[in-house]
Protein backbone atom coordinates (compact mmCIF):
# COMPACT_ATOMS: atom_id res chain seq x y z
CA MET A 1 5.45 27.04 88.10
CA ALA A 2 7.62 24.54 86.52
CA PHE A 3 7.35 21.92 84.04
CA ASP A 4 6.45 18.14 85.35
CA VAL A 5 8.85 15.63 85.37
CA HIS A 6 7.80 14.45 82.05
CA GLY A 7 8.10 17.93 80.49
CA GLU A 8 11.38 18.49 81.84
CA ALA A 9 12.47 15.28 80.18
CA HIS A 10 11.46 16.26 76.81
CA VAL A 11 13.00 19.67 77.20
CA ARG A 12 16.19 17.99 78.07
CA ASN A 13 15.76 15.74 75.02
CA PHE A 14 15.09 18.92 72.70
CA LEU A 15 18.28 20.58 73.91
CA ALA A 16 20.25 17.38 73.55
CA ALA A 17 19.13 16.91 69.90
CA ILE A 18 20.01 20.06 68.62
CA SER A 19 23.46 20.59 70.74
CA PRO A 20 25.75 19.33 68.05
CA TRP A 21 25.05 22.65 65.85
CA GLU A 22 23.37 24.90 68.39
CA SER A 23 26.32 27.56 67.91
CA GLY A 24 24.65 27.83 64.42
CA TYR A 25 21.57 29.54 65.57
CA LEU A 26 22.80 33.16 65.37
CA GLU A 27 19.18 34.66 64.42
CA ASN A 28 16.99 33.49 67.23
CA SER A 29 13.56 35.31 67.68
CA PHE A 30 10.03 35.11 69.11
CA THR A 31 6.77 35.83 67.43
CA TYR A 32 3.54 35.88 69.35
CA VAL A 33 -0.03 37.05 69.92
CA ALA A 34 -1.22 37.88 73.31
CA THR A 35 -4.59 38.87 74.84
CA ARG A 36 -5.60 40.84 77.83
CA LEU A 37 -6.23 38.93 80.90
CA GLY A 38 -7.45 41.07 83.74
CA ASN A 39 -4.82 43.97 83.94
CA ASP A 40 -2.14 41.73 82.18
CA PHE A 41 -1.38 40.16 78.89
CA VAL A 42 -1.07 36.18 78.67
CA LEU A 43 0.19 34.37 75.61
CA ALA A 44 -2.33 32.91 73.17
CA GLN A 45 0.34 31.57 70.58
CA GLY A 46 3.80 31.89 70.15
CA MET A 47 6.87 30.69 68.07
CA LEU A 48 10.49 30.85 69.37
CA TRP A 49 12.58 30.42 66.26
CA LEU A 50 16.18 29.08 66.27
CA ARG A 51 17.49 30.20 62.88
CA PRO A 52 20.83 30.12 61.32
CA PHE A 53 20.18 32.64 58.99
CA GLN A 54 17.93 36.20 59.22
CA SER A 55 14.00 35.59 59.51
CA PRO A 56 11.81 36.65 56.64
CA ILE A 57 9.35 37.94 59.30
CA PRO A 58 9.36 41.37 59.99
CA LEU A 59 10.42 42.81 63.48
CA THR A 60 7.39 44.95 64.28
CA HIS A 61 4.78 45.17 67.29
CA PHE A 62 1.09 45.55 67.41
CA GLU A 63 -1.04 46.60 70.37
CA SER A 64 -4.86 47.22 70.63
CA GLU A 65 -6.77 47.52 74.18
CA ASN A 66 -7.26 43.89 74.17
CA VAL A 67 -4.47 42.45 71.92
CA ARG A 68 -0.79 42.43 71.40
CA ALA A 69 1.62 40.90 68.74
CA GLY A 70 5.03 41.14 68.18
CA HIS A 71 8.27 39.65 66.53
CA PHE A 72 11.30 40.60 68.39
CA LYS A 73 15.03 39.31 68.47
CA LEU A 74 16.06 37.30 71.65
CA SER A 75 19.03 39.40 72.11
CA ASP A 76 16.67 42.74 71.98
CA VAL A 77 15.96 41.39 75.75
CA GLY A 78 19.42 39.99 76.59
CA LYS A 79 18.12 36.50 76.52
CA THR A 80 19.41 33.07 75.07
CA TYR A 81 16.83 30.48 73.75
CA ARG A 82 17.48 28.19 76.55
CA GLU A 83 16.84 31.04 79.12
CA VAL A 84 13.54 31.53 77.36
CA ILE A 85 12.66 28.10 77.28
CA LYS A 86 13.36 28.37 81.24
CA GLU A 87 11.19 31.39 81.44
CA LEU A 88 8.32 30.07 79.71
CA GLY A 89 8.26 26.90 82.33
CA GLU A 90 8.18 29.28 84.90
CA GLY A 91 4.87 30.77 83.55
CA TYR A 92 6.17 33.90 81.85
CA LEU A 93 7.78 35.56 79.06
CA THR A 94 10.15 38.92 78.92
CA THR A 95 9.42 40.96 75.71
CA PRO A 96 10.50 44.53 74.80
CA HIS A 97 7.01 45.88 75.33
CA GLY A 98 6.21 44.00 78.77
CA THR A 99 6.18 40.82 80.32
CA LEU A 100 3.51 38.47 79.36
CA LEU A 101 1.93 35.59 81.17
CA PHE A 102 2.10 31.96 80.15
CA PRO A 103 0.49 29.32 82.35
CA SER A 104 2.69 26.55 81.09
CA ARG A 105 1.62 22.90 82.06
CA ALA A 106 3.44 20.51 79.74
CA ALA A 107 6.00 20.05 77.13
CA SER A 108 6.53 17.67 74.30
CA PHE A 109 9.49 16.99 71.92
CA THR A 110 8.83 16.01 68.04
CA PRO A 111 12.36 15.35 66.42
CA LEU A 112 10.52 15.03 62.97
CA HIS A 113 7.77 17.42 62.66
CA PRO A 114 5.35 16.49 59.72
CA ALA A 115 4.85 19.84 58.26
CA ALA A 116 8.41 20.06 57.53
CA LEU A 117 8.98 16.33 55.99
CA GLN A 118 6.36 17.79 53.44
CA SER A 119 9.08 20.30 52.36
CA GLN A 120 12.01 18.05 52.44
CA SER A 121 13.44 19.45 55.72
CA ARG A 122 13.94 17.99 59.22
CA LEU A 123 12.75 20.24 61.99
CA ASN A 124 13.24 19.72 65.79
CA VAL A 125 10.03 21.17 67.55
CA LEU A 126 9.48 21.52 71.30
CA LYS A 127 5.51 22.24 71.85
CA ILE A 128 5.10 23.81 75.08
CA THR A 129 1.08 23.81 75.99
CA GLY A 130 -0.36 25.83 78.85
CA ALA A 131 -4.05 26.26 80.11
CA ALA A 132 -7.44 26.33 77.80
CA GLN A 133 -7.23 28.40 74.84
CA LEU A 134 -9.27 31.58 74.92
CA LEU A 135 -9.26 32.59 71.40
CA SER A 136 -11.23 31.11 68.70
CA ALA A 137 -10.73 30.74 64.99
CA ASN A 138 -14.47 31.57 64.61
CA PRO A 139 -15.87 35.36 64.18
CA SER A 140 -15.40 37.04 67.31
CA VAL A 141 -15.60 40.46 69.14
CA LEU A 142 -11.86 40.75 68.98
CA ASP A 143 -12.27 40.85 65.24
CA TRP A 144 -14.03 43.94 65.21
CA GLU A 145 -11.39 45.19 67.62
CA LEU A 146 -8.66 44.88 65.34
CA ARG A 147 -10.57 46.19 62.30
CA SER A 148 -10.87 49.63 64.66
CA SER A 149 -7.13 49.93 64.92
CA PRO A 150 -4.89 52.33 63.44
CA ILE A 151 -2.93 49.29 61.76
CA PRO A 152 -6.25 47.36 61.05
CA PHE A 153 -6.46 43.55 60.78
CA ASP A 154 -9.46 41.81 59.76
CA THR A 155 -9.43 38.81 61.80
CA VAL A 156 -7.44 37.38 64.57
CA GLN A 157 -6.32 34.83 62.00
CA GLU A 158 -4.94 37.37 59.59
CA LEU A 159 -2.92 38.65 62.59
CA LEU A 160 -1.68 35.27 63.54
CA SER A 161 -0.78 35.02 60.03
CA GLU A 162 0.92 38.22 59.89
CA TYR A 163 3.33 37.08 62.62
CA GLY A 164 3.78 33.87 60.94
CA LEU A 165 2.00 31.62 63.89
CA GLY A 166 -0.40 30.25 61.23
CA GLY A 167 -3.83 28.61 62.39
CA LEU A 168 -4.84 28.96 65.99
CA PHE A 169 -4.47 25.92 68.29
CA ASN A 170 -8.07 25.74 69.71
CA ASP A 171 -7.48 23.55 72.53
CA PHE A 172 -4.53 24.92 74.55
CA ILE A 173 -2.31 28.09 74.88
CA THR A 174 0.79 26.97 72.61
CA VAL A 175 4.31 28.17 72.22
CA GLU A 176 6.35 26.08 69.59
CA VAL A 177 10.08 26.12 69.64
CA ILE A 178 11.19 25.60 66.23
CA ALA A 179 14.80 24.29 65.67
CA THR A 180 15.28 24.60 61.89
CA PRO A 181 18.08 23.16 59.80
CA VAL A 182 21.49 24.59 59.96
CA MET A 183 22.35 23.18 56.45
CA GLY A 184 20.33 23.13 52.74
CA PHE A 185 20.88 23.21 49.23
CA ASP A 186 20.89 26.37 47.18
CA GLY A 187 18.41 25.34 44.86
CA ASP A 188 18.91 27.98 42.32
CA GLU A 189 22.38 26.80 42.16
CA CYS A 190 22.12 22.94 41.93
CA ARG A 191 21.77 21.72 38.62
CA ILE A 192 22.74 18.95 36.21
CA THR A 193 24.20 19.67 32.78
CA GLU A 194 25.04 16.98 30.51
CA ASP A 195 27.02 14.56 32.61
CA LYS A 196 27.86 16.93 35.34
CA ALA A 197 26.07 17.55 38.59
CA HIS A 198 26.84 21.01 40.24
CA ILE A 199 25.96 20.70 43.94
CA ALA A 200 25.79 23.72 46.01
CA ILE A 201 25.13 23.85 49.69
CA ARG A 202 24.86 26.83 52.21
CA LEU A 203 25.93 26.37 56.10
CA ALA A 204 25.62 28.14 59.17
CA PRO A 205 28.60 30.74 59.20
CA THR A 206 29.84 29.52 62.70
CA LEU A 207 29.80 25.65 62.04
CA ASP A 208 32.58 23.36 60.95
CA ALA A 209 32.67 22.61 57.47
CA LYS A 210 34.43 19.63 58.07
CA LYS A 211 31.43 17.95 59.86
CA VAL A 212 29.73 18.40 56.63
CA SER A 213 28.88 15.41 54.20
CA VAL A 214 26.35 14.94 51.60
CA GLY A 215 25.00 11.88 50.60
CA TYR A 216 23.28 11.02 47.27
CA ARG A 217 21.30 8.60 45.16
CA GLU A 218 21.81 8.78 41.21
CA ILE A 219 18.82 7.69 39.80
CA ASN A 220 19.00 6.32 35.84
CA PRO A 221 15.95 4.98 34.26
CA GLY A 222 15.98 1.13 33.73
CA THR A 223 19.33 0.79 35.78
CA THR A 224 20.17 0.15 39.53
CA VAL A 225 20.78 3.06 41.57
CA LYS A 226 24.08 4.31 42.71
CA ARG A 227 24.92 5.65 45.99
CA GLY A 228 27.47 7.49 47.61
CA SER A 229 28.56 10.30 49.87
CA LEU A 230 30.84 13.29 49.92
CA ALA A 231 32.83 14.67 52.64
CA GLY A 232 32.68 18.19 53.50
CA SER A 233 36.54 18.51 52.80
CA GLN A 234 35.65 17.54 49.21
CA PHE A 235 33.66 20.72 48.41
CA VAL A 236 34.94 24.15 47.58
CA TRP A 237 33.95 26.66 50.33
CA THR A 238 33.58 30.31 50.24
CA GLN A 239 32.90 32.37 53.40
CA GLU A 240 30.16 34.67 52.95
CA PRO A 241 28.76 37.56 55.29
CA GLU A 242 25.87 35.07 56.69
CA ARG A 243 26.60 32.13 55.38
CA GLN A 244 29.31 29.32 54.09
CA VAL A 245 28.58 28.16 50.45
CA GLY A 246 30.10 24.72 49.37
CA THR A 247 30.17 23.28 45.78
CA PHE A 248 31.30 20.05 43.90
CA ASP A 249 30.75 19.05 40.66
CA LEU A 250 29.95 15.48 40.56
CA ALA A 251 30.18 13.16 37.01
CA VAL A 252 26.77 11.50 36.56
CA SER A 253 25.04 9.69 33.58
CA LYS A 254 23.42 11.66 30.96
CA ALA A 255 19.58 12.11 32.03
CA ALA A 256 20.19 10.99 35.62
CA LEU A 257 18.38 12.26 38.61
CA LEU A 258 20.47 13.13 41.73
CA HIS A 259 18.69 12.76 44.97
CA CYS A 260 20.93 14.29 47.70
CA TYR A 261 20.81 14.64 51.43
CA ALA A 262 22.49 17.37 53.69
CA ILE A 263 24.01 16.17 56.65
CA TYR A 264 25.60 17.81 59.68
CA ASN A 265 27.49 15.88 62.25
CA GLY A 266 26.21 12.59 61.13
CA VAL A 267 22.36 14.09 61.25
CA ALA A 268 20.33 14.66 57.85
CA GLN A 269 19.23 18.15 57.93
CA THR A 270 17.54 18.30 54.40
CA HIS A 271 17.14 16.80 51.17
CA TRP A 272 16.83 17.86 47.55
CA PHE A 273 16.33 16.63 43.87
CA ILE A 274 18.98 17.82 41.34
CA THR A 275 17.92 17.49 37.78
CA ASP A 276 18.94 18.61 34.14
CA PRO A 277 16.04 20.81 33.25
CA THR A 278 16.58 19.75 29.40
CA THR A 279 15.68 15.93 30.47
CA SER A 280 13.45 13.89 32.32
CA GLN A 281 12.71 10.32 33.29
CA ASN A 282 9.00 10.98 33.20
CA ALA A 283 7.44 11.34 29.79
CA ARG A 284 4.29 13.14 31.00
CA ARG A 285 6.45 15.93 32.33
CA VAL A 286 8.56 16.01 29.16
CA VAL A 287 5.16 16.68 27.60
CA VAL A 288 4.07 19.33 29.96
CA GLU A 289 7.76 21.09 29.90
CA THR A 290 7.84 20.72 26.25
CA PHE A 291 5.18 23.71 26.20
CA ASP A 292 5.68 25.09 29.67
CA PRO A 293 9.39 25.28 29.80
CA GLY A 294 10.88 24.73 33.42
CA LEU A 295 7.07 24.54 34.71
CA THR A 296 7.13 28.36 34.93
CA ILE A 297 3.48 28.77 34.33
CA LEU A 298 2.38 25.87 36.28
CA THR A 299 4.65 27.16 39.53
CA GLU A 300 2.99 30.63 38.73
CA PHE A 301 -0.47 29.50 39.09
CA MET A 302 0.12 27.49 42.07
CA GLY A 303 1.97 30.56 43.74
CA ARG A 304 -0.40 33.56 42.72
CA PRO A 305 -1.96 35.23 45.22
CA ARG A 306 -5.61 36.40 44.98
CA GLY A 307 -5.37 39.76 43.09
CA LYS A 308 -6.21 41.50 39.99
CA SER A 309 -4.71 38.76 37.79
CA TYR A 310 -6.35 36.11 39.79
CA ASP A 311 -8.16 33.57 37.89
CA ALA A 312 -9.47 30.52 39.73
CA ARG A 313 -9.37 28.52 36.87
CA ASP A 314 -5.48 29.13 36.12
CA LEU A 315 -4.98 27.32 39.45
CA GLU A 316 -7.47 24.18 38.51
CA ALA A 317 -5.57 23.90 35.41
CA ALA A 318 -2.04 23.81 37.15
CA VAL A 319 -3.44 21.25 39.35
CA ALA A 320 -4.79 19.06 36.55
CA TRP A 321 -1.46 19.28 34.74
CA MET A 322 0.32 18.34 38.24
CA PHE A 323 -1.87 15.18 38.85
CA TRP A 324 -1.44 14.06 35.19
CA MET A 325 2.41 13.99 35.46
CA LEU A 326 1.80 11.85 38.49
CA GLY A 327 0.00 9.51 35.99
CA PHE A 328 -3.54 9.92 36.83
CA SER A 329 -6.33 10.36 34.14
CA THR A 330 -7.64 13.90 35.02
CA VAL A 331 -10.97 15.99 33.68
CA GLN A 332 -11.31 19.31 34.46
CA LEU A 333 -15.37 19.74 35.04
CA GLY A 334 -15.12 23.14 36.47
CA SER A 335 -13.34 24.91 33.74
CA THR A 336 -16.11 27.00 32.09
CA ALA A 337 -18.56 29.43 33.12
CA ARG A 338 -21.68 27.12 32.74
CA THR A 339 -19.81 24.45 35.02
CA GLN A 340 -18.08 26.41 37.74
CA ASP A 341 -20.30 24.97 40.13
CA PHE A 342 -19.02 21.60 39.21
CA SER A 343 -16.13 19.74 40.95
CA ASP A 344 -12.98 21.38 39.85
CA VAL A 345 -11.00 18.03 38.83
CA VAL A 346 -11.62 14.74 39.00
CA LEU A 347 -8.83 12.15 39.04
CA VAL A 348 -8.78 8.17 37.90
CA THR A 349 -6.10 5.79 38.60
CA PRO A 350 -5.15 2.88 36.26
CA GLN A 351 -7.49 0.73 38.44
CA GLY A 352 -10.26 2.96 38.08
CA HIS A 353 -10.11 4.75 41.63
CA LEU A 354 -11.35 8.26 41.92
CA ALA A 355 -10.89 11.73 43.60
CA ILE A 356 -12.40 14.60 43.46
CA VAL A 357 -10.51 18.03 43.67
CA GLU A 358 -11.68 21.25 45.09
CA CYS A 359 -9.09 24.05 44.63
CA THR A 360 -8.73 27.26 46.76
CA VAL A 361 -5.84 30.15 47.29
CA GLY A 362 -7.62 30.75 51.01
CA LEU A 363 -8.90 29.04 53.62
CA LEU A 364 -10.51 25.47 53.36
CA LYS A 365 -14.17 26.74 54.55
CA ALA A 366 -13.90 30.21 52.32
CA GLY A 367 -16.82 30.25 50.25
CA ASP A 368 -18.31 27.05 51.68
CA LYS A 369 -15.84 25.00 49.47
CA LEU A 370 -15.11 22.54 51.87
CA ALA A 371 -18.83 21.74 52.52
CA LYS A 372 -19.38 21.57 49.01
CA LEU A 373 -16.78 19.13 48.51
CA VAL A 374 -18.00 16.66 51.38
CA ALA A 375 -21.43 16.95 49.81
CA ARG A 376 -20.34 15.98 46.40
CA HIS A 377 -18.43 13.30 47.79
CA VAL A 378 -21.60 11.75 49.31
CA ILE A 379 -23.73 12.12 46.36
CA LEU A 380 -21.00 10.67 44.07
CA ARG A 381 -20.52 7.70 46.60
CA ASP A 382 -24.15 6.91 46.49
CA ARG A 383 -24.18 7.17 42.85
CA LEU A 384 -21.37 4.85 42.14
CA ASP A 385 -22.53 2.23 44.76
CA LYS A 386 -26.01 2.15 42.94
CA SER A 387 -24.39 2.02 39.53
CA ASN A 388 -22.39 -1.58 40.23
CA SER A 389 -19.29 0.26 41.10
CA GLY A 390 -19.28 0.25 44.66
CA HIS A 391 -15.72 -1.61 44.70
CA LEU A 392 -14.19 1.61 43.44
CA LYS A 393 -12.80 3.86 46.12
CA LEU A 394 -13.32 7.38 46.07
CA LEU A 395 -11.33 10.37 48.07
CA PRO A 396 -12.11 13.93 48.39
CA ILE A 397 -9.08 16.22 48.15
CA MET A 398 -8.88 19.76 48.91
CA VAL A 399 -6.02 21.67 47.54
CA SER A 400 -4.98 25.15 48.80
CA THR A 401 -2.07 27.51 48.10
CA LEU A 402 -1.62 28.55 51.41
CA PRO A 403 0.87 26.93 53.93
CA ARG A 404 -0.11 24.24 56.04
CA ALA A 405 0.71 26.23 59.04
CA GLU A 406 -2.00 29.21 58.04
CA LEU A 407 -4.36 26.46 57.38
CA GLN A 408 -4.37 25.03 60.77
CA ALA A 409 -8.04 26.47 62.10
CA ASP A 410 -9.35 24.49 59.26
CA LEU A 411 -7.32 21.34 59.31
CA GLU A 412 -9.18 19.50 62.05
CA GLN A 413 -12.49 19.86 60.39
CA ALA A 414 -11.51 18.70 57.17
CA GLU A 415 -9.39 15.68 58.17
CA ARG A 416 -11.96 14.47 60.68
CA LEU A 417 -14.32 14.52 57.65
CA GLY A 418 -11.81 12.24 55.84
CA VAL A 419 -10.74 14.89 53.27
CA LEU A 420 -6.91 15.00 52.19
CA VAL A 421 -5.46 18.20 52.28
CA LEU A 422 -2.93 19.43 50.06
CA ALA A 423 -1.22 22.59 51.31
CA ARG A 424 1.54 24.78 49.68
CA GLU A 425 4.33 22.49 50.84
CA GLN A 426 3.01 19.22 49.57
CA LEU A 427 2.11 20.86 46.14
CA ASP A 428 6.10 21.68 46.27
CA GLN A 429 6.78 18.29 47.09
CA ILE A 430 4.15 16.61 44.47
CA VAL A 431 5.77 18.79 41.47
CA SER A 432 9.08 17.43 42.49
CA ARG A 433 7.71 14.06 42.40
CA THR A 434 6.65 14.60 38.79
CA MET A 435 10.56 14.28 37.71
CA ILE A 436 10.17 10.54 37.98
CA ALA A 437 7.45 8.22 36.48
CA ASN A 438 4.94 7.30 39.17
CA ASN A 439 2.33 4.42 40.19
CA PRO A 440 -0.96 6.50 40.53
CA ASP A 441 -2.59 3.36 42.46
CA GLU A 442 0.16 3.17 44.93
CA LEU A 443 -0.41 7.13 45.43
CA PHE A 444 -3.94 7.05 46.20
CA GLN A 445 -3.02 3.98 48.60
CA GLU A 446 -0.50 6.38 50.25
CA ALA A 447 -3.18 9.14 50.29
CA GLU A 448 -5.92 6.65 51.80
CA LYS A 449 -3.72 5.80 54.85
CA ARG A 450 -3.04 9.34 55.55
CA VAL A 451 -6.63 10.17 55.56
CA GLN A 452 -7.20 7.27 58.01
CA SER A 453 -4.32 8.37 60.40
CA ALA A 454 -5.60 11.77 60.38
CA GLN A 455 -9.25 10.64 61.43
CA GLU A 456 -8.22 8.39 64.37
CA ALA A 457 -5.80 11.14 65.71
CA PHE A 458 -8.25 14.13 65.89
CA ARG A 459 -10.74 14.21 69.42
CA SER A 460 -13.56 16.55 69.91
CA LYS A 461 -12.26 20.02 70.99
CA PRO A 462 -14.24 23.00 72.26
CA GLU A 463 -14.52 26.03 69.98
CA THR A 464 -16.33 28.60 72.27
CA GLU A 465 -14.74 31.79 73.15
CA PRO A 466 -15.51 33.66 76.13
CA GLU A 467 -16.45 37.23 76.10
CA LEU A 468 -14.11 40.12 76.83
CA PRO A 469 -12.72 41.08 79.22
CA PHE A 470 -10.88 37.93 79.85
CA GLU A 471 -10.26 37.27 83.70
CA PRO A 472 -7.20 35.35 85.41
CA GLU A 473 -9.87 33.07 86.72
CA GLN A 474 -10.73 31.65 83.43
CA LEU A 475 -7.12 30.46 82.92
CA GLY A 476 -6.75 29.28 86.56
CA VAL A 477 -3.76 31.78 87.14
CA GLN A 478 -3.46 34.61 89.39
CA PRO A 479 -1.66 37.94 88.32
CA ALA A 480 0.62 37.07 91.36
CA ASP A 481 2.10 34.33 88.93
CA LYS A 482 3.71 37.15 87.10
CA PRO A 483 7.28 37.97 88.05
CA ALA A 484 8.30 41.39 89.42
CA THR A 485 9.82 43.46 86.51
């Protein structure tokens, strides 16, 4: 079993794209969830991570009667990432806990993954798909098996999240090969003080600092943007155990905003905004930061997990502040005990277009939040049309503090219903965008286009899950496809 001619071409293109810096990938690992297939186990979902720095996901293994999950270094099985891709194309995967089946069928290469673009990074992603997906994000018998394990998990989705796999791909068994940036900015060190910008970049320890460059745009209110580029040789480099750190001090105008691009071997890897925390080009942000220096409270409210200190209204307040800094008029309808069943936040642009916002720290469907948002949108649309305000546009928005990958199971339904979903990555990007003044009507138009594109992209997909135990014939795979171990 191997990729077809188109799949082979996508694999070659992926390998060619990352070849200029592949020596920087020192911490390569694989995370997966697999399910029993007769007497064997078959991959349900996996990610092959190519990283220059240590993974934040623990190296662990989980196993129940019908489910396996794990995260292991490729060095633990004596494989390179190219060898693992070859194995996947041949229909299997070697792990420290046994060989897994992977009935691969196709491969596709995405040089600019949308999820990473939202977080100001560039990811090269090779997506390898196999047979029809057996698992489902819906409640199933496997959830009860996981709850009975010595190390319990509540659902299959929680197990996927634990191993950094995000939401389940409902259509096909899928493995993503994710080549992360080998260069980035040290956000804690980058800053502007008076008329000097301190730029700090980090680079994989095995890469050549002479191939580094940093492009920049100096943005000053009411003046022309100043553009330039810095060579790696201009930076002062320090060798640390797991990375190289380069620093440079650039003269800038007072109250300037510096937008920087990290470039290796002529290819942009990520970008970053550097500001003076005591100044801002956005008067609305100045107002908020006067009472919340550095937006510390806002950041806490949007990053706080559900727990003893959790208060849903804190998140709603932070979202209202964020959109107000973008230039919207905002009202928090659900901010009191008597109105907690109202819409959380309503936004209005200068031209009068509206958005209703529902906030959650969990999945989109939790507590029927998605269903309530869609129903409120229908009711409000009808009322606007009957009150001679049919010309005003109305957009439903769902805000979650979870990463977009963890919302994968709910995203399709939300986007097919015309709901704009803003996950953790988008919130971080939006907060960065408040450093300069924005046009809310233009932002509203951008959001509309995103919703329309998502609706056009989705198609109907099956959501049923077969009963256990799974049999090889359900995937069109015979146990003989498994290589000898």
